């Protein structure tokens, strides 16, 4: 993972790209999925980020993911089991012939904190454009210092993300109409 980290302006086409990919994934996985969500920076209107479409798909049981590897490989995804050591409850797939990838697919159970936190983070940044701008500013600053080490880039963002997640949980607690597990 040594390709340059590039933060680009928000592209409204990211939503279309997600919807197209969602249809493609559903066409090969069908009823194996219980829900799908667009996550990451490309899912937040107005938020610049790495131009990689983040997708989260839920399965009833994570141990059943072995059944989705071959169909996903047939549409260009590569299963990367070595990343399970970082997040045990997630199975990670990447699409794209070269680095950086074009799509990241996270397969998890919908009841996990991974699922809930990603959806809540997206909803909070969408509802708080000033926070989204601050996050983009941080990513741009980090990309100038951490030019190609994607794991170091992610690690450097983590404290900020954790702080925003704490705020978002408080926000959610005061907004009963929010249900970040719906997808």
C-alpha atoms as a PDB file:
ATOM      1  CA  UNK A   1       0.000   0.000   0.000  1.00  0.00           C
ATOM      2  CA  UNK A   2       2.496   2.582  -1.116  1.00  0.00           C
ATOM      3  CA  UNK A   3       0.580   4.560  -3.718  1.00  0.00           C
ATOM      4  CA  UNK A   4       0.260   8.309  -3.054  1.00  0.00           C
ATOM      5  CA  UNK A   5      -2.584   9.345  -0.773  1.00  0.00           C
ATOM      6  CA  UNK A   6      -4.740  11.735  -2.749  1.00  0.00           C
ATOM      7  CA  UNK A   7      -7.551  13.777  -1.216  1.00  0.00           C
ATOM      8  CA  UNK A   8      -9.861  15.171  -3.882  1.00  0.00           C
ATOM      9  CA  UNK A   9     -12.883  17.458  -3.887  1.00  0.00           C
ATOM     10  CA  UNK A  10     -16.283  15.865  -3.377  1.00  0.00           C
ATOM     11  CA  UNK A  11     -17.706  14.332  -6.547  1.00  0.00           C
ATOM     12  CA  UNK A  12     -21.526  13.994  -6.734  1.00  0.00           C
ATOM     13  CA  UNK A  13     -20.965  11.045  -9.064  1.00  0.00           C
ATOM     14  CA  UNK A  14     -19.715   8.996  -6.072  1.00  0.00           C
ATOM     15  CA  UNK A  15     -23.324   8.338  -5.074  1.00  0.00           C
ATOM     16  CA  UNK A  16     -24.105   7.074  -8.585  1.00  0.00           C
ATOM     17  CA  UNK A  17     -20.980   4.920  -8.541  1.00  0.00           C
ATOM     18  CA  UNK A  18     -22.076   3.417  -5.225  1.00  0.00           C
ATOM     19  CA  UNK A  19     -25.588   2.677  -6.509  1.00  0.00           C
ATOM     20  CA  UNK A  20     -24.165   1.025  -9.649  1.00  0.00           C
ATOM     21  CA  UNK A  21     -21.815  -1.115  -7.574  1.00  0.00           C
ATOM     22  CA  UNK A  22     -24.560  -1.968  -5.097  1.00  0.00           C
ATOM     23  CA  UNK A  23     -26.668  -3.352  -7.964  1.00  0.00           C
ATOM     24  CA  UNK A  24     -23.700  -5.333  -9.275  1.00  0.00           C
ATOM     25  CA  UNK A  25     -22.897  -6.829  -5.865  1.00  0.00           C
ATOM     26  CA  UNK A  26     -26.536  -7.703  -5.247  1.00  0.00           C
ATOM     27  CA  UNK A  27     -26.686  -9.360  -8.685  1.00  0.00           C
ATOM     28  CA  UNK A  28     -24.007 -11.870  -7.670  1.00  0.00           C
ATOM     29  CA  UNK A  29     -24.794 -12.230  -3.964  1.00  0.00           C
ATOM     30  CA  UNK A  30     -28.573 -11.907  -3.943  1.00  0.00           C
ATOM     31  CA  UNK A  31     -30.136 -13.047  -0.686  1.00  0.00           C
ATOM     32  CA  UNK A  32     -26.791 -13.630   1.040  1.00  0.00           C
ATOM     33  CA  UNK A  33     -26.802  -9.953   2.049  1.00  0.00           C
ATOM     34  CA  UNK A  34     -29.134  -8.490   4.633  1.00  0.00           C
ATOM     35  CA  UNK A  35     -28.304  -4.815   3.914  1.00  0.00           C
ATOM     36  CA  UNK A  36     -25.836  -2.504   2.171  1.00  0.00           C
ATOM     37  CA  UNK A  37     -24.628   1.009   2.972  1.00  0.00           C
ATOM     38  CA  UNK A  38     -22.458   3.612   1.295  1.00  0.00           C
ATOM     39  CA  UNK A  39     -19.823   4.581   3.876  1.00  0.00           C
ATOM     40  CA  UNK A  40     -16.631   6.570   4.147  1.00  0.00           C
ATOM     41  CA  UNK A  41     -15.899  10.007   2.795  1.00  0.00           C
ATOM     42  CA  UNK A  42     -17.511   9.354  -0.582  1.00  0.00           C
ATOM     43  CA  UNK A  43     -20.848   8.866   1.202  1.00  0.00           C
ATOM     44  CA  UNK A  44     -20.976  12.328   2.780  1.00  0.00           C
ATOM     45  CA  UNK A  45     -22.244  15.093   0.458  1.00  0.00           C
ATOM     46  CA  UNK A  46     -19.654  17.843   0.125  1.00  0.00           C
ATOM     47  CA  UNK A  47     -16.850  15.943   1.871  1.00  0.00           C
ATOM     48  CA  UNK A  48     -13.621  15.574  -0.061  1.00  0.00           C
ATOM     49  CA  UNK A  49     -11.621  12.413   0.384  1.00  0.00           C
ATOM     50  CA  UNK A  50      -9.788   9.585  -1.272  1.00  0.00           C
ATOM     51  CA  UNK A  51     -11.747   8.726  -4.438  1.00  0.00           C
ATOM     52  CA  UNK A  52     -12.513   5.186  -3.279  1.00  0.00           C
ATOM     53  CA  UNK A  53     -16.148   4.120  -2.959  1.00  0.00           C
ATOM     54  CA  UNK A  54     -16.714   2.666   0.509  1.00  0.00           C
ATOM     55  CA  UNK A  55     -19.321  -0.074   0.718  1.00  0.00           C
ATOM     56  CA  UNK A  56     -20.495  -1.976   3.739  1.00  0.00           C
ATOM     57  CA  UNK A  57     -22.535  -5.133   3.269  1.00  0.00           C
ATOM     58  CA  UNK A  58     -24.067  -7.189   6.031  1.00  0.00           C
ATOM     59  CA  UNK A  59     -24.449 -10.914   6.243  1.00  0.00           C
ATOM     60  CA  UNK A  60     -26.421 -12.940   8.759  1.00  0.00           C
ATOM     61  CA  UNK A  61     -23.265 -14.661  10.040  1.00  0.00           C
ATOM     62  CA  UNK A  62     -19.678 -13.635   9.389  1.00  0.00           C
ATOM     63  CA  UNK A  63     -18.557 -17.263   9.225  1.00  0.00           C
ATOM     64  CA  UNK A  64     -20.684 -17.601   6.067  1.00  0.00           C
ATOM     65  CA  UNK A  65     -18.511 -15.125   4.157  1.00  0.00           C
ATOM     66  CA  UNK A  66     -16.578 -17.957   2.566  1.00  0.00           C
ATOM     67  CA  UNK A  67     -19.611 -18.344   0.274  1.00  0.00           C
ATOM     68  CA  UNK A  68     -19.278 -14.806  -1.101  1.00  0.00           C
ATOM     69  CA  UNK A  69     -15.577 -14.824  -2.005  1.00  0.00           C
ATOM     70  CA  UNK A  70     -15.871 -16.510  -5.397  1.00  0.00           C
ATOM     71  CA  UNK A  71     -18.849 -14.453  -6.653  1.00  0.00           C
ATOM     72  CA  UNK A  72     -17.131 -11.237  -5.561  1.00  0.00           C
ATOM     73  CA  UNK A  73     -13.889 -12.268  -7.257  1.00  0.00           C
ATOM     74  CA  UNK A  74     -15.895 -12.819 -10.450  1.00  0.00           C
ATOM     75  CA  UNK A  75     -16.818  -9.101 -10.457  1.00  0.00           C
ATOM     76  CA  UNK A  76     -13.308  -7.869  -9.717  1.00  0.00           C
ATOM     77  CA  UNK A  77     -13.009  -7.909  -5.917  1.00  0.00           C
ATOM     78  CA  UNK A  78     -10.022  -9.371  -4.142  1.00  0.00           C
ATOM     79  CA  UNK A  79     -10.459 -10.851  -0.680  1.00  0.00           C
ATOM     80  CA  UNK A  80      -7.750  -9.668   1.731  1.00  0.00           C
ATOM     81  CA  UNK A  81      -7.908 -11.938   4.800  1.00  0.00           C
ATOM     82  CA  UNK A  82      -4.685 -10.467   6.214  1.00  0.00           C
ATOM     83  CA  UNK A  83      -6.683  -7.405   7.297  1.00  0.00           C
ATOM     84  CA  UNK A  84      -8.794  -9.502   9.669  1.00  0.00           C
ATOM     85  CA  UNK A  85      -6.049  -9.171  12.271  1.00  0.00           C
ATOM     86  CA  UNK A  86      -6.975  -5.465  12.556  1.00  0.00           C
ATOM     87  CA  UNK A  87     -10.756  -5.895  12.719  1.00  0.00           C
ATOM     88  CA  UNK A  88     -11.850  -9.417  13.604  1.00  0.00           C
ATOM     89  CA  UNK A  89     -15.539  -8.956  12.803  1.00  0.00           C
ATOM     90  CA  UNK A  90     -14.922  -7.656   9.261  1.00  0.00           C
ATOM     91  CA  UNK A  91     -14.062  -9.349   5.983  1.00  0.00           C
ATOM     92  CA  UNK A  92     -12.361  -6.939   3.612  1.00  0.00           C
ATOM     93  CA  UNK A  93     -12.434  -6.874  -0.182  1.00  0.00           C
ATOM     94  CA  UNK A  94     -10.816  -4.417  -2.567  1.00  0.00           C
ATOM     95  CA  UNK A  95     -11.648  -3.723  -6.210  1.00  0.00           C
ATOM     96  CA  UNK A  96      -9.335  -2.152  -8.725  1.00  0.00           C
ATOM     97  CA  UNK A  97      -6.561  -3.486 -10.920  1.00  0.00           C
ATOM     98  CA  UNK A  98      -4.023  -1.059  -9.487  1.00  0.00           C
ATOM     99  CA  UNK A  99      -3.429   0.899  -6.297  1.00  0.00           C
ATOM    100  CA  UNK A 100      -5.234   2.796  -5.105  1.00  0.00           C
ATOM    101  CA  UNK A 101      -8.346   0.679  -5.325  1.00  0.00           C
ATOM    102  CA  UNK A 102     -11.603   1.976  -6.780  1.00  0.00           C
ATOM    103  CA  UNK A 103     -13.859   0.323  -4.164  1.00  0.00           C
ATOM    104  CA  UNK A 104     -13.503  -1.007  -0.635  1.00  0.00           C
ATOM    105  CA  UNK A 105     -16.054  -3.560   0.502  1.00  0.00           C
ATOM    106  CA  UNK A 106     -16.454  -4.356   4.187  1.00  0.00           C
ATOM    107  CA  UNK A 107     -18.579  -7.413   4.922  1.00  0.00           C
ATOM    108  CA  UNK A 108     -19.805  -7.563   8.520  1.00  0.00           C
ATOM    109  CA  UNK A 109     -22.778  -8.552  10.600  1.00  0.00           C
ATOM    110  CA  UNK A 110     -25.230  -5.683  10.926  1.00  0.00           C
ATOM    111  CA  UNK A 111     -25.288  -5.957  14.709  1.00  0.00           C
ATOM    112  CA  UNK A 112     -21.577  -5.125  15.082  1.00  0.00           C
ATOM    113  CA  UNK A 113     -20.158  -1.858  16.345  1.00  0.00           C
ATOM    114  CA  UNK A 114     -18.264  -1.652  13.043  1.00  0.00           C
ATOM    115  CA  UNK A 115     -21.596  -1.396  11.163  1.00  0.00           C
ATOM    116  CA  UNK A 116     -23.248   0.950  13.629  1.00  0.00           C
ATOM    117  CA  UNK A 117     -20.249   3.279  13.936  1.00  0.00           C
ATOM    118  CA  UNK A 118     -19.735   3.632  10.184  1.00  0.00           C
ATOM    119  CA  UNK A 119     -23.373   4.507   9.569  1.00  0.00           C
ATOM    120  CA  UNK A 120     -23.541   6.874  12.545  1.00  0.00           C
ATOM    121  CA  UNK A 121     -20.295   8.625  11.531  1.00  0.00           C
ATOM    122  CA  UNK A 122     -21.710   9.191   8.026  1.00  0.00           C
ATOM    123  CA  UNK A 123     -25.013  10.490   9.367  1.00  0.00           C
ATOM    124  CA  UNK A 124     -23.311  12.826  11.831  1.00  0.00           C
ATOM    125  CA  UNK A 125     -20.964  14.329   9.223  1.00  0.00           C
ATOM    126  CA  UNK A 126     -23.864  14.730   6.801  1.00  0.00           C
ATOM    127  CA  UNK A 127     -25.884  16.597   9.441  1.00  0.00           C
ATOM    128  CA  UNK A 128     -22.865  18.680  10.572  1.00  0.00           C
ATOM    129  CA  UNK A 129     -21.128  20.202   7.516  1.00  0.00           C
ATOM    130  CA  UNK A 130     -18.676  22.154   9.701  1.00  0.00           C
ATOM    131  CA  UNK A 131     -17.476  18.888  11.224  1.00  0.00           C
ATOM    132  CA  UNK A 132     -17.198  17.376   7.748  1.00  0.00           C
ATOM    133  CA  UNK A 133     -15.031  20.320   6.667  1.00  0.00           C
ATOM    134  CA  UNK A 134     -12.819  19.897   9.726  1.00  0.00           C
ATOM    135  CA  UNK A 135     -12.421  16.211   8.891  1.00  0.00           C
ATOM    136  CA  UNK A 136     -11.508  17.032   5.298  1.00  0.00           C
ATOM    137  CA  UNK A 137      -8.983  19.626   6.484  1.00  0.00           C
ATOM    138  CA  UNK A 138      -7.391  17.018   8.745  1.00  0.00           C
ATOM    139  CA  UNK A 139      -7.173  14.493   5.918  1.00  0.00           C
ATOM    140  CA  UNK A 140      -5.583  17.052   3.595  1.00  0.00           C
ATOM    141  CA  UNK A 141      -3.033  18.015   6.232  1.00  0.00           C
ATOM    142  CA  UNK A 142      -2.214  14.367   6.966  1.00  0.00           C
ATOM    143  CA  UNK A 143      -1.858  13.571   3.260  1.00  0.00           C
ATOM    144  CA  UNK A 144       0.871  16.216   2.983  1.00  0.00           C
ATOM    145  CA  UNK A 145       2.819  14.565   5.837  1.00  0.00           C
ATOM    146  CA  UNK A 146       1.946  10.905   5.296  1.00  0.00           C
ATOM    147  CA  UNK A 147       2.202  10.717   1.552  1.00  0.00           C
ATOM    148  CA  UNK A 148       1.854   6.993   0.842  1.00  0.00           C
ATOM    149  CA  UNK A 149       1.551   4.906   4.030  1.00  0.00           C
ATOM    150  CA  UNK A 150      -2.173   4.190   4.109  1.00  0.00           C
ATOM    151  CA  UNK A 151      -2.092   2.378   7.450  1.00  0.00           C
ATOM    152  CA  UNK A 152      -0.246   5.287   9.079  1.00  0.00           C
ATOM    153  CA  UNK A 153      -2.741   7.687   7.479  1.00  0.00           C
ATOM    154  CA  UNK A 154      -5.655   5.707   8.932  1.00  0.00           C
ATOM    155  CA  UNK A 155      -3.971   5.478  12.337  1.00  0.00           C
ATOM    156  CA  UNK A 156      -3.398   9.250  12.361  1.00  0.00           C
ATOM    157  CA  UNK A 157      -7.108   9.898  11.721  1.00  0.00           C
ATOM    158  CA  UNK A 158      -8.297   7.494  14.421  1.00  0.00           C
ATOM    159  CA  UNK A 159      -8.202   9.840  17.456  1.00  0.00           C
ATOM    160  CA  UNK A 160     -10.244  12.443  15.578  1.00  0.00           C
ATOM    161  CA  UNK A 161     -12.725   9.824  14.376  1.00  0.00           C
ATOM    162  CA  UNK A 162     -13.130   8.492  17.925  1.00  0.00           C
ATOM    163  CA  UNK A 163     -13.851  12.005  19.198  1.00  0.00           C
ATOM    164  CA  UNK A 164     -16.463  12.548  16.494  1.00  0.00           C
ATOM    165  CA  UNK A 165     -18.023   9.158  17.246  1.00  0.00           C
ATOM    166  CA  UNK A 166     -18.390  10.159  20.906  1.00  0.00           C
ATOM    167  CA  UNK A 167     -20.167  13.360  19.832  1.00  0.00           C
ATOM    168  CA  UNK A 168     -22.288  11.465  17.345  1.00  0.00           C
ATOM    169  CA  UNK A 169     -23.478   8.994  19.987  1.00  0.00           C
ATOM    170  CA  UNK A 170     -24.554  11.893  22.184  1.00  0.00           C
ATOM    171  CA  UNK A 171     -26.270  13.483  19.175  1.00  0.00           C
ATOM    172  CA  UNK A 172     -28.024  10.195  18.409  1.00  0.00           C
ATOM    173  CA  UNK A 173     -29.169   9.817  22.024  1.00  0.00           C
ATOM    174  CA  UNK A 174     -30.907  13.212  21.725  1.00  0.00           C
ATOM    175  CA  UNK A 175     -32.376  12.373  18.302  1.00  0.00           C
ATOM    176  CA  UNK A 176     -34.622   9.333  18.789  1.00  0.00           C
ATOM    177  CA  UNK A 177     -35.678   9.369  15.137  1.00  0.00           C
ATOM    178  CA  UNK A 178     -32.129   8.387  14.156  1.00  0.00           C
ATOM    179  CA  UNK A 179     -31.523   4.692  13.698  1.00  0.00           C
ATOM    180  CA  UNK A 180     -28.008   4.088  12.379  1.00  0.00           C
ATOM    181  CA  UNK A 181     -28.583   0.362  12.100  1.00  0.00           C
ATOM    182  CA  UNK A 182     -31.235   0.739   9.405  1.00  0.00           C
ATOM    183  CA  UNK A 183     -29.892  -0.007   5.989  1.00  0.00           C
END
